[in-house]
PDB file of N, CA and C in Angstrom:
ATOM      1  N   MET A   1      67.538  68.285  -8.768  1.00  0.00           N
ATOM      2  CA  MET A   1      66.475  67.401  -9.190  1.00  0.00           C
ATOM      3  C   MET A   1      66.297  67.566 -10.703  1.00  0.00           C
ATOM      4  N   SER A   2      66.282  66.464 -11.401  1.00  0.00           N
ATOM      5  CA  SER A   2      66.132  66.515 -12.858  1.00  0.00           C
ATOM      6  C   SER A   2      64.680  66.797 -13.231  1.00  0.00           C
ATOM      7  N   THR A   3      64.477  67.117 -14.485  1.00  0.00           N
ATOM      8  CA  THR A   3      63.130  67.399 -14.975  1.00  0.00           C
ATOM      9  C   THR A   3      62.238  66.173 -14.835  1.00  0.00           C
ATOM     10  N   LYS A   4      62.771  64.983 -15.125  1.00  0.00           N
ATOM     11  CA  LYS A   4      61.985  63.755 -14.998  1.00  0.00           C
ATOM     12  C   LYS A   4      61.540  63.534 -13.554  1.00  0.00           C
ATOM     13  N   GLU A   5      62.431  63.819 -12.610  1.00  0.00           N
ATOM     14  CA  GLU A   5      62.080  63.646 -11.197  1.00  0.00           C
ATOM     15  C   GLU A   5      60.984  64.625 -10.781  1.00  0.00           C
ATOM     16  N   LYS A   6      61.047  65.866 -11.289  1.00  0.00           N
ATOM     17  CA  LYS A   6      60.018  66.855 -10.974  1.00  0.00           C
ATOM     18  C   LYS A   6      58.669  66.426 -11.528  1.00  0.00           C
ATOM     19  N   VAL A   7      58.656  65.923 -12.758  1.00  0.00           N
ATOM     20  CA  VAL A   7      57.411  65.469 -13.372  1.00  0.00           C
ATOM     21  C   VAL A   7      56.861  64.285 -12.591  1.00  0.00           C
ATOM     22  N   ARG A   8      57.706  63.344 -12.226  1.00  0.00           N
ATOM     23  CA  ARG A   8      57.280  62.179 -11.468  1.00  0.00           C
ATOM     24  C   ARG A   8      56.694  62.605 -10.117  1.00  0.00           C
ATOM     25  N   GLU A   9      57.313  63.597  -9.473  1.00  0.00           N
ATOM     26  CA  GLU A   9      56.825  64.090  -8.191  1.00  0.00           C
ATOM     27  C   GLU A   9      55.444  64.719  -8.347  1.00  0.00           C
ATOM     28  N   LYS A  10      55.225  65.482  -9.414  1.00  0.00           N
ATOM     29  CA  LYS A  10      53.928  66.106  -9.652  1.00  0.00           C
ATOM     30  C   LYS A  10      52.853  65.045  -9.900  1.00  0.00           C
ATOM     31  N   VAL A  11      53.181  64.018 -10.649  1.00  0.00           N
ATOM     32  CA  VAL A  11      52.224  62.953 -10.915  1.00  0.00           C
ATOM     33  C   VAL A  11      51.860  62.248  -9.620  1.00  0.00           C
ATOM     34  N   SER A  12      52.834  61.956  -8.790  1.00  0.00           N
ATOM     35  CA  SER A  12      52.572  61.275  -7.523  1.00  0.00           C
ATOM     36  C   SER A  12      51.637  62.093  -6.646  1.00  0.00           C
ATOM     37  N   LYS A  13      51.864  63.386  -6.550  1.00  0.00           N
ATOM     38  CA  LYS A  13      50.991  64.233  -5.742  1.00  0.00           C
ATOM     39  C   LYS A  13      49.582  64.244  -6.298  1.00  0.00           C
ATOM     40  N   LYS A  14      49.438  64.283  -7.604  1.00  0.00           N
ATOM     41  CA  LYS A  14      48.120  64.301  -8.223  1.00  0.00           C
ATOM     42  C   LYS A  14      47.400  62.981  -7.957  1.00  0.00           C
ATOM     43  N   GLU A  15      48.103  61.868  -8.035  1.00  0.00           N
ATOM     44  CA  GLU A  15      47.494  60.572  -7.781  1.00  0.00           C
ATOM     45  C   GLU A  15      46.969  60.482  -6.348  1.00  0.00           C
ATOM     46  N   VAL A  16      47.698  61.028  -5.410  1.00  0.00           N
ATOM     47  CA  VAL A  16      47.286  60.984  -4.009  1.00  0.00           C
ATOM     48  C   VAL A  16      46.000  61.762  -3.801  1.00  0.00           C
ATOM     49  N   THR A  17      45.854  62.896  -4.458  1.00  0.00           N
ATOM     50  CA  THR A  17      44.665  63.723  -4.257  1.00  0.00           C
ATOM     51  C   THR A  17      43.448  63.218  -5.032  1.00  0.00           C
ATOM     52  N   SER A  18      43.629  62.288  -5.957  1.00  0.00           N
ATOM     53  CA  SER A  18      42.501  61.818  -6.757  1.00  0.00           C
ATOM     54  C   SER A  18      42.096  60.383  -6.407  1.00  0.00           C
ATOM     55  N   ILE A  19      42.387  59.938  -5.206  1.00  0.00           N
ATOM     56  CA  ILE A  19      41.992  58.600  -4.786  1.00  0.00           C
ATOM     57  C   ILE A  19      40.465  58.519  -4.792  1.00  0.00           C
ATOM     58  N   ASN A  20      39.950  57.468  -5.381  1.00  0.00           N
ATOM     59  CA  ASN A  20      38.507  57.306  -5.499  1.00  0.00           C
ATOM     60  C   ASN A  20      37.901  56.722  -4.241  1.00  0.00           C
ATOM     61  N   ASN A  21      36.668  57.080  -4.017  1.00  0.00           N
ATOM     62  CA  ASN A  21      35.861  56.460  -2.978  1.00  0.00           C
ATOM     63  C   ASN A  21      35.144  55.272  -3.604  1.00  0.00           C
ATOM     64  N   GLU A  22      34.550  54.437  -2.757  1.00  0.00           N
ATOM     65  CA  GLU A  22      33.848  53.252  -3.233  1.00  0.00           C
ATOM     66  C   GLU A  22      32.489  53.145  -2.572  1.00  0.00           C
ATOM     67  N   ILE A  23      31.504  52.680  -3.341  1.00  0.00           N
ATOM     68  CA  ILE A  23      30.240  52.270  -2.734  1.00  0.00           C
ATOM     69  C   ILE A  23      30.355  50.775  -2.480  1.00  0.00           C
ATOM     70  N   VAL A  24      30.159  50.391  -1.232  1.00  0.00           N
ATOM     71  CA  VAL A  24      30.181  48.982  -0.846  1.00  0.00           C
ATOM     72  C   VAL A  24      28.758  48.586  -0.469  1.00  0.00           C
ATOM     73  N   VAL A  25      28.289  47.490  -1.070  1.00  0.00           N
ATOM     74  CA  VAL A  25      26.980  46.937  -0.737  1.00  0.00           C
ATOM     75  C   VAL A  25      27.213  45.712   0.139  1.00  0.00           C
ATOM     76  N   TYR A  26      26.407  45.604   1.200  1.00  0.00           N
ATOM     77  CA  TYR A  26      26.545  44.523   2.173  1.00  0.00           C
ATOM     78  C   TYR A  26      25.387  43.534   2.059  1.00  0.00           C
ATOM     79  N   ASN A  27      25.667  42.299   2.418  1.00  0.00           N
ATOM     80  CA  ASN A  27      24.666  41.249   2.399  1.00  0.00           C
ATOM     81  C   ASN A  27      23.617  41.489   3.480  1.00  0.00           C
ATOM     82  N   ASP A  28      22.398  41.068   3.202  1.00  0.00           N
ATOM     83  CA  ASP A  28      21.341  41.092   4.203  1.00  0.00           C
ATOM     84  C   ASP A  28      20.418  39.903   3.951  1.00  0.00           C
ATOM     85  N   ASP A  29      19.490  39.685   4.841  1.00  0.00           N
ATOM     86  CA  ASP A  29      18.555  38.573   4.709  1.00  0.00           C
ATOM     87  C   ASP A  29      17.201  39.022   4.184  1.00  0.00           C
ATOM     88  N   VAL A  30      17.145  40.230   3.639  1.00  0.00           N
ATOM     89  CA  VAL A  30      15.870  40.812   3.233  1.00  0.00           C
ATOM     90  C   VAL A  30      15.705  40.847   1.718  1.00  0.00           C
ATOM     91  N   ASN A  31      16.708  41.329   1.008  1.00  0.00           N
ATOM     92  CA  ASN A  31      16.581  41.572  -0.430  1.00  0.00           C
ATOM     93  C   ASN A  31      16.843  40.319  -1.257  1.00  0.00           C
ATOM     94  N   THR A  32      16.055  40.184  -2.317  1.00  0.00           N
ATOM     95  CA  THR A  32      16.237  39.058  -3.238  1.00  0.00           C
ATOM     96  C   THR A  32      17.365  39.372  -4.219  1.00  0.00           C
ATOM     97  N   PHE A  33      17.868  38.323  -4.845  1.00  0.00           N
ATOM     98  CA  PHE A  33      18.886  38.519  -5.873  1.00  0.00           C
ATOM     99  C   PHE A  33      18.346  39.423  -6.978  1.00  0.00           C
ATOM    100  N   ASP A  34      17.115  39.159  -7.400  1.00  0.00           N
ATOM    101  CA  ASP A  34      16.527  39.956  -8.483  1.00  0.00           C
ATOM    102  C   ASP A  34      16.449  41.433  -8.124  1.00  0.00           C
ATOM    103  N   HIS A  35      16.064  41.743  -6.890  1.00  0.00           N
ATOM    104  CA  HIS A  35      15.966  43.146  -6.473  1.00  0.00           C
ATOM    105  C   HIS A  35      17.345  43.809  -6.479  1.00  0.00           C
ATOM    106  N   VAL A  36      18.350  43.111  -5.939  1.00  0.00           N
ATOM    107  CA  VAL A  36      19.711  43.670  -5.919  1.00  0.00           C
ATOM    108  C   VAL A  36      20.209  43.892  -7.346  1.00  0.00           C
ATOM    109  N   ILE A  37      20.014  42.915  -8.205  1.00  0.00           N
ATOM    110  CA  ILE A  37      20.464  43.009  -9.598  1.00  0.00           C
ATOM    111  C   ILE A  37      19.765  44.169 -10.311  1.00  0.00           C
ATOM    112  N   ASP A  38      18.453  44.228 -10.199  1.00  0.00           N
ATOM    113  CA  ASP A  38      17.692  45.303 -10.853  1.00  0.00           C
ATOM    114  C   ASP A  38      18.118  46.677 -10.341  1.00  0.00           C
ATOM    115  N   THR A  39      18.370  46.764  -9.035  1.00  0.00           N
ATOM    116  CA  THR A  39      18.765  48.044  -8.446  1.00  0.00           C
ATOM    117  C   THR A  39      20.154  48.461  -8.919  1.00  0.00           C
ATOM    118  N   LEU A  40      21.086  47.532  -8.990  1.00  0.00           N
ATOM    119  CA  LEU A  40      22.435  47.860  -9.464  1.00  0.00           C
ATOM    120  C   LEU A  40      22.416  48.290 -10.930  1.00  0.00           C
ATOM    121  N   ILE A  41      21.568  47.660 -11.717  1.00  0.00           N
ATOM    122  CA  ILE A  41      21.443  48.048 -13.128  1.00  0.00           C
ATOM    123  C   ILE A  41      20.882  49.462 -13.232  1.00  0.00           C
ATOM    124  N   ARG A  42      19.839  49.742 -12.463  1.00  0.00           N
ATOM    125  CA  ARG A  42      19.169  51.035 -12.531  1.00  0.00           C
ATOM    126  C   ARG A  42      20.018  52.164 -11.946  1.00  0.00           C
ATOM    127  N   VAL A  43      20.602  51.943 -10.780  1.00  0.00           N
ATOM    128  CA  VAL A  43      21.284  53.016 -10.059  1.00  0.00           C
ATOM    129  C   VAL A  43      22.748  53.174 -10.486  1.00  0.00           C
ATOM    130  N   CYS A  44      23.432  52.048 -10.649  1.00  0.00           N
ATOM    131  CA  CYS A  44      24.879  52.104 -10.923  1.00  0.00           C
ATOM    132  C   CYS A  44      25.225  51.891 -12.389  1.00  0.00           C
ATOM    133  N   GLN A  45      24.204  51.743 -13.225  1.00  0.00           N
ATOM    134  CA  GLN A  45      24.398  51.511 -14.657  1.00  0.00           C
ATOM    135  C   GLN A  45      25.231  50.263 -14.937  1.00  0.00           C
ATOM    136  N   HIS A  46      25.057  49.229 -14.113  1.00  0.00           N
ATOM    137  CA  HIS A  46      25.738  47.955 -14.359  1.00  0.00           C
ATOM    138  C   HIS A  46      25.075  47.242 -15.527  1.00  0.00           C
ATOM    139  N   THR A  47      25.847  46.397 -16.187  1.00  0.00           N
ATOM    140  CA  THR A  47      25.249  45.466 -17.131  1.00  0.00           C
ATOM    141  C   THR A  47      24.561  44.380 -16.305  1.00  0.00           C
ATOM    142  N   ALA A  48      23.696  43.597 -16.946  1.00  0.00           N
ATOM    143  CA  ALA A  48      23.021  42.508 -16.231  1.00  0.00           C
ATOM    144  C   ALA A  48      24.043  41.525 -15.663  1.00  0.00           C
ATOM    145  N   GLU A  49      25.044  41.208 -16.451  1.00  0.00           N
ATOM    146  CA  GLU A  49      26.080  40.267 -16.007  1.00  0.00           C
ATOM    147  C   GLU A  49      26.875  40.833 -14.826  1.00  0.00           C
ATOM    148  N   GLN A  50      27.255  42.086 -14.907  1.00  0.00           N
ATOM    149  CA  GLN A  50      28.016  42.724 -13.833  1.00  0.00           C
ATOM    150  C   GLN A  50      27.190  42.769 -12.548  1.00  0.00           C
ATOM    151  N   ALA A  51      25.928  43.126 -12.655  1.00  0.00           N
ATOM    152  CA  ALA A  51      25.059  43.200 -11.478  1.00  0.00           C
ATOM    153  C   ALA A  51      24.874  41.814 -10.860  1.00  0.00           C
ATOM    154  N   GLU A  52      24.721  40.795 -11.694  1.00  0.00           N
ATOM    155  CA  GLU A  52      24.576  39.431 -11.185  1.00  0.00           C
ATOM    156  C   GLU A  52      25.841  38.984 -10.454  1.00  0.00           C
ATOM    157  N   GLN A  53      27.003  39.278 -11.033  1.00  0.00           N
ATOM    158  CA  GLN A  53      28.262  38.915 -10.388  1.00  0.00           C
ATOM    159  C   GLN A  53      28.416  39.630  -9.048  1.00  0.00           C
ATOM    160  N   CYS A  54      28.074  40.911  -8.998  1.00  0.00           N
ATOM    161  CA  CYS A  54      28.158  41.653  -7.735  1.00  0.00           C
ATOM    162  C   CYS A  54      27.223  41.065  -6.692  1.00  0.00           C
ATOM    163  N   SER A  55      26.019  40.681  -7.114  1.00  0.00           N
ATOM    164  CA  SER A  55      25.063  40.110  -6.154  1.00  0.00           C
ATOM    165  C   SER A  55      25.587  38.794  -5.581  1.00  0.00           C
ATOM    166  N   LEU A  56      26.255  38.008  -6.400  1.00  0.00           N
ATOM    167  CA  LEU A  56      26.838  36.751  -5.909  1.00  0.00           C
ATOM    168  C   LEU A  56      28.004  37.009  -4.958  1.00  0.00           C
ATOM    169  N   ILE A  57      28.824  38.002  -5.281  1.00  0.00           N
ATOM    170  CA  ILE A  57      29.936  38.363  -4.392  1.00  0.00           C
ATOM    171  C   ILE A  57      29.389  38.840  -3.050  1.00  0.00           C
ATOM    172  N   VAL A  58      28.356  39.666  -3.081  1.00  0.00           N
ATOM    173  CA  VAL A  58      27.729  40.134  -1.838  1.00  0.00           C
ATOM    174  C   VAL A  58      27.220  38.939  -1.033  1.00  0.00           C
ATOM    175  N   HIS A  59      26.565  38.018  -1.709  1.00  0.00           N
ATOM    176  CA  HIS A  59      25.985  36.858  -1.020  1.00  0.00           C
ATOM    177  C   HIS A  59      27.054  35.979  -0.369  1.00  0.00           C
ATOM    178  N   TYR A  60      28.120  35.696  -1.104  1.00  0.00           N
ATOM    179  CA  TYR A  60      29.127  34.757  -0.607  1.00  0.00           C
ATOM    180  C   TYR A  60      30.221  35.405   0.236  1.00  0.00           C
ATOM    181  N   ASN A  61      30.539  36.665  -0.013  1.00  0.00           N
ATOM    182  CA  ASN A  61      31.616  37.336   0.737  1.00  0.00           C
ATOM    183  C   ASN A  61      31.099  38.336   1.759  1.00  0.00           C
ATOM    184  N   GLY A  62      29.821  38.618   1.731  1.00  0.00           N
ATOM    185  CA  GLY A  62      29.246  39.541   2.697  1.00  0.00           C
ATOM    186  C   GLY A  62      29.250  40.991   2.249  1.00  0.00           C
ATOM    187  N   LYS A  63      30.029  41.308   1.221  1.00  0.00           N
ATOM    188  CA  LYS A  63      30.066  42.680   0.707  1.00  0.00           C
ATOM    189  C   LYS A  63      30.731  42.693  -0.656  1.00  0.00           C
ATOM    190  N   CYS A  64      30.515  43.805  -1.370  1.00  0.00           N
ATOM    191  CA  CYS A  64      31.131  43.971  -2.686  1.00  0.00           C
ATOM    192  C   CYS A  64      31.188  45.457  -3.025  1.00  0.00           C
ATOM    193  N   THR A  65      32.321  45.880  -3.560  1.00  0.00           N
ATOM    194  CA  THR A  65      32.422  47.236  -4.094  1.00  0.00           C
ATOM    195  C   THR A  65      31.689  47.248  -5.432  1.00  0.00           C
ATOM    196  N   VAL A  66      30.685  48.110  -5.538  1.00  0.00           N
ATOM    197  CA  VAL A  66      29.862  48.128  -6.746  1.00  0.00           C
ATOM    198  C   VAL A  66      30.116  49.344  -7.633  1.00  0.00           C
ATOM    199  N   LYS A  67      30.784  50.356  -7.082  1.00  0.00           N
ATOM    200  CA  LYS A  67      31.047  51.572  -7.861  1.00  0.00           C
ATOM    201  C   LYS A  67      32.198  52.328  -7.219  1.00  0.00           C
ATOM    202  N   THR A  68      33.052  52.923  -8.034  1.00  0.00           N
ATOM    203  CA  THR A  68      34.121  53.786  -7.539  1.00  0.00           C
ATOM    204  C   THR A  68      34.019  55.134  -8.234  1.00  0.00           C
ATOM    205  N   GLY A  69      34.502  56.161  -7.564  1.00  0.00           N
ATOM    206  CA  GLY A  69      34.468  57.491  -8.143  1.00  0.00           C
ATOM    207  C   GLY A  69      34.627  58.544  -7.069  1.00  0.00           C
ATOM    208  N   SER A  70      34.360  59.774  -7.445  1.00  0.00           N
ATOM    209  CA  SER A  70      34.464  60.864  -6.478  1.00  0.00           C
ATOM    210  C   SER A  70      33.268  60.797  -5.534  1.00  0.00           C
ATOM    211  N   TYR A  71      33.446  61.291  -4.347  1.00  0.00           N
ATOM    212  CA  TYR A  71      32.389  61.270  -3.339  1.00  0.00           C
ATOM    213  C   TYR A  71      31.128  61.965  -3.856  1.00  0.00           C
ATOM    214  N   ASP A  72      31.318  63.103  -4.518  1.00  0.00           N
ATOM    215  CA  ASP A  72      30.170  63.877  -5.013  1.00  0.00           C
ATOM    216  C   ASP A  72      29.335  63.096  -6.028  1.00  0.00           C
ATOM    217  N   LYS A  73      29.979  62.262  -6.844  1.00  0.00           N
ATOM    218  CA  LYS A  73      29.242  61.463  -7.821  1.00  0.00           C
ATOM    219  C   LYS A  73      28.601  60.237  -7.179  1.00  0.00           C
ATOM    220  N   LEU A  74      29.256  59.688  -6.148  1.00  0.00           N
ATOM    221  CA  LEU A  74      28.756  58.470  -5.519  1.00  0.00           C
ATOM    222  C   LEU A  74      27.619  58.724  -4.535  1.00  0.00           C
ATOM    223  N   LYS A  75      27.600  59.887  -3.921  1.00  0.00           N
ATOM    224  CA  LYS A  75      26.626  60.180  -2.865  1.00  0.00           C
ATOM    225  C   LYS A  75      25.182  59.974  -3.334  1.00  0.00           C
ATOM    226  N   PRO A  76      24.760  60.545  -4.467  1.00  0.00           N
ATOM    227  CA  PRO A  76      23.371  60.318  -4.884  1.00  0.00           C
ATOM    228  C   PRO A  76      23.080  58.859  -5.229  1.00  0.00           C
ATOM    229  N   GLN A  77      24.058  58.161  -5.768  1.00  0.00           N
ATOM    230  CA  GLN A  77      23.852  56.748  -6.090  1.00  0.00           C
ATOM    231  C   GLN A  77      23.706  55.927  -4.815  1.00  0.00           C
ATOM    232  N   CYS A  78      24.548  56.198  -3.832  1.00  0.00           N
ATOM    233  CA  CYS A  78      24.459  55.480  -2.565  1.00  0.00           C
ATOM    234  C   CYS A  78      23.115  55.752  -1.898  1.00  0.00           C
ATOM    235  N   THR A  79      22.654  56.978  -1.955  1.00  0.00           N
ATOM    236  CA  THR A  79      21.350  57.337  -1.390  1.00  0.00           C
ATOM    237  C   THR A  79      20.242  56.539  -2.068  1.00  0.00           C
ATOM    238  N   GLN A  80      20.310  56.401  -3.384  1.00  0.00           N
ATOM    239  CA  GLN A  80      19.297  55.626  -4.114  1.00  0.00           C
ATOM    240  C   GLN A  80      19.338  54.150  -3.727  1.00  0.00           C
ATOM    241  N   LEU A  81      20.547  53.612  -3.533  1.00  0.00           N
ATOM    242  CA  LEU A  81      20.666  52.211  -3.099  1.00  0.00           C
ATOM    243  C   LEU A  81      20.027  52.020  -1.727  1.00  0.00           C
ATOM    244  N   LEU A  82      20.284  52.965  -0.830  1.00  0.00           N
ATOM    245  CA  LEU A  82      19.700  52.898   0.506  1.00  0.00           C
ATOM    246  C   LEU A  82      18.181  53.031   0.458  1.00  0.00           C
ATOM    247  N   GLU A  83      17.688  53.939  -0.373  1.00  0.00           N
ATOM    248  CA  GLU A  83      16.233  54.118  -0.520  1.00  0.00           C
ATOM    249  C   GLU A  83      15.569  52.869  -1.099  1.00  0.00           C
ATOM    250  N   ALA A  84      16.331  52.094  -1.865  1.00  0.00           N
ATOM    251  CA  ALA A  84      15.806  50.837  -2.431  1.00  0.00           C
ATOM    252  C   ALA A  84      15.878  49.696  -1.416  1.00  0.00           C
ATOM    253  N   GLY A  85      16.419  49.975  -0.238  1.00  0.00           N
ATOM    254  CA  GLY A  85      16.461  48.967   0.814  1.00  0.00           C
ATOM    255  C   GLY A  85      17.753  48.182   0.916  1.00  0.00           C
ATOM    256  N   LEU A  86      18.746  48.514   0.080  1.00  0.00           N
ATOM    257  CA  LEU A  86      20.027  47.821   0.151  1.00  0.00           C
ATOM    258  C   LEU A  86      20.865  48.415   1.285  1.00  0.00           C
ATOM    259  N   SER A  87      21.752  47.609   1.816  1.00  0.00           N
ATOM    260  CA  SER A  87      22.697  48.076   2.827  1.00  0.00           C
ATOM    261  C   SER A  87      23.959  48.508   2.087  1.00  0.00           C
ATOM    262  N   ALA A  88      24.266  49.805   2.136  1.00  0.00           N
ATOM    263  CA  ALA A  88      25.394  50.325   1.370  1.00  0.00           C
ATOM    264  C   ALA A  88      26.011  51.508   2.100  1.00  0.00           C
ATOM    265  N   GLU A  89      27.275  51.732   1.807  1.00  0.00           N
ATOM    266  CA  GLU A  89      27.959  52.921   2.343  1.00  0.00           C
ATOM    267  C   GLU A  89      29.094  53.301   1.406  1.00  0.00           C
ATOM    268  N   ILE A  90      29.520  54.552   1.536  1.00  0.00           N
ATOM    269  CA  ILE A  90      30.672  55.038   0.793  1.00  0.00           C
ATOM    270  C   ILE A  90      31.886  54.942   1.705  1.00  0.00           C
ATOM    271  N   VAL A  91      32.917  54.294   1.203  1.00  0.00           N
ATOM    272  CA  VAL A  91      34.164  54.165   1.985  1.00  0.00           C
ATOM    273  C   VAL A  91      35.314  54.749   1.214  1.00  0.00           C
TER     274      VAL A  91
END
């Protein structure tokens, strides 16, 4: 095995172990667009435009990935989304 192949193999293994989790927000008939947008800005640090786009995707597609990262970083954010009344989970 050449040096390049060994390096490529190490990179591939590292990529597999660093796969990110996602927070997915689901559509509901309870929350207003404004509440979803404000919550995404506050909890996920979205820009106003990004939060608005996510809220529209949730409305029309039924769900939207709003944040990616390690489980440990996403867990408190997902908890805050749930406490705000949004339907969300980490996948």
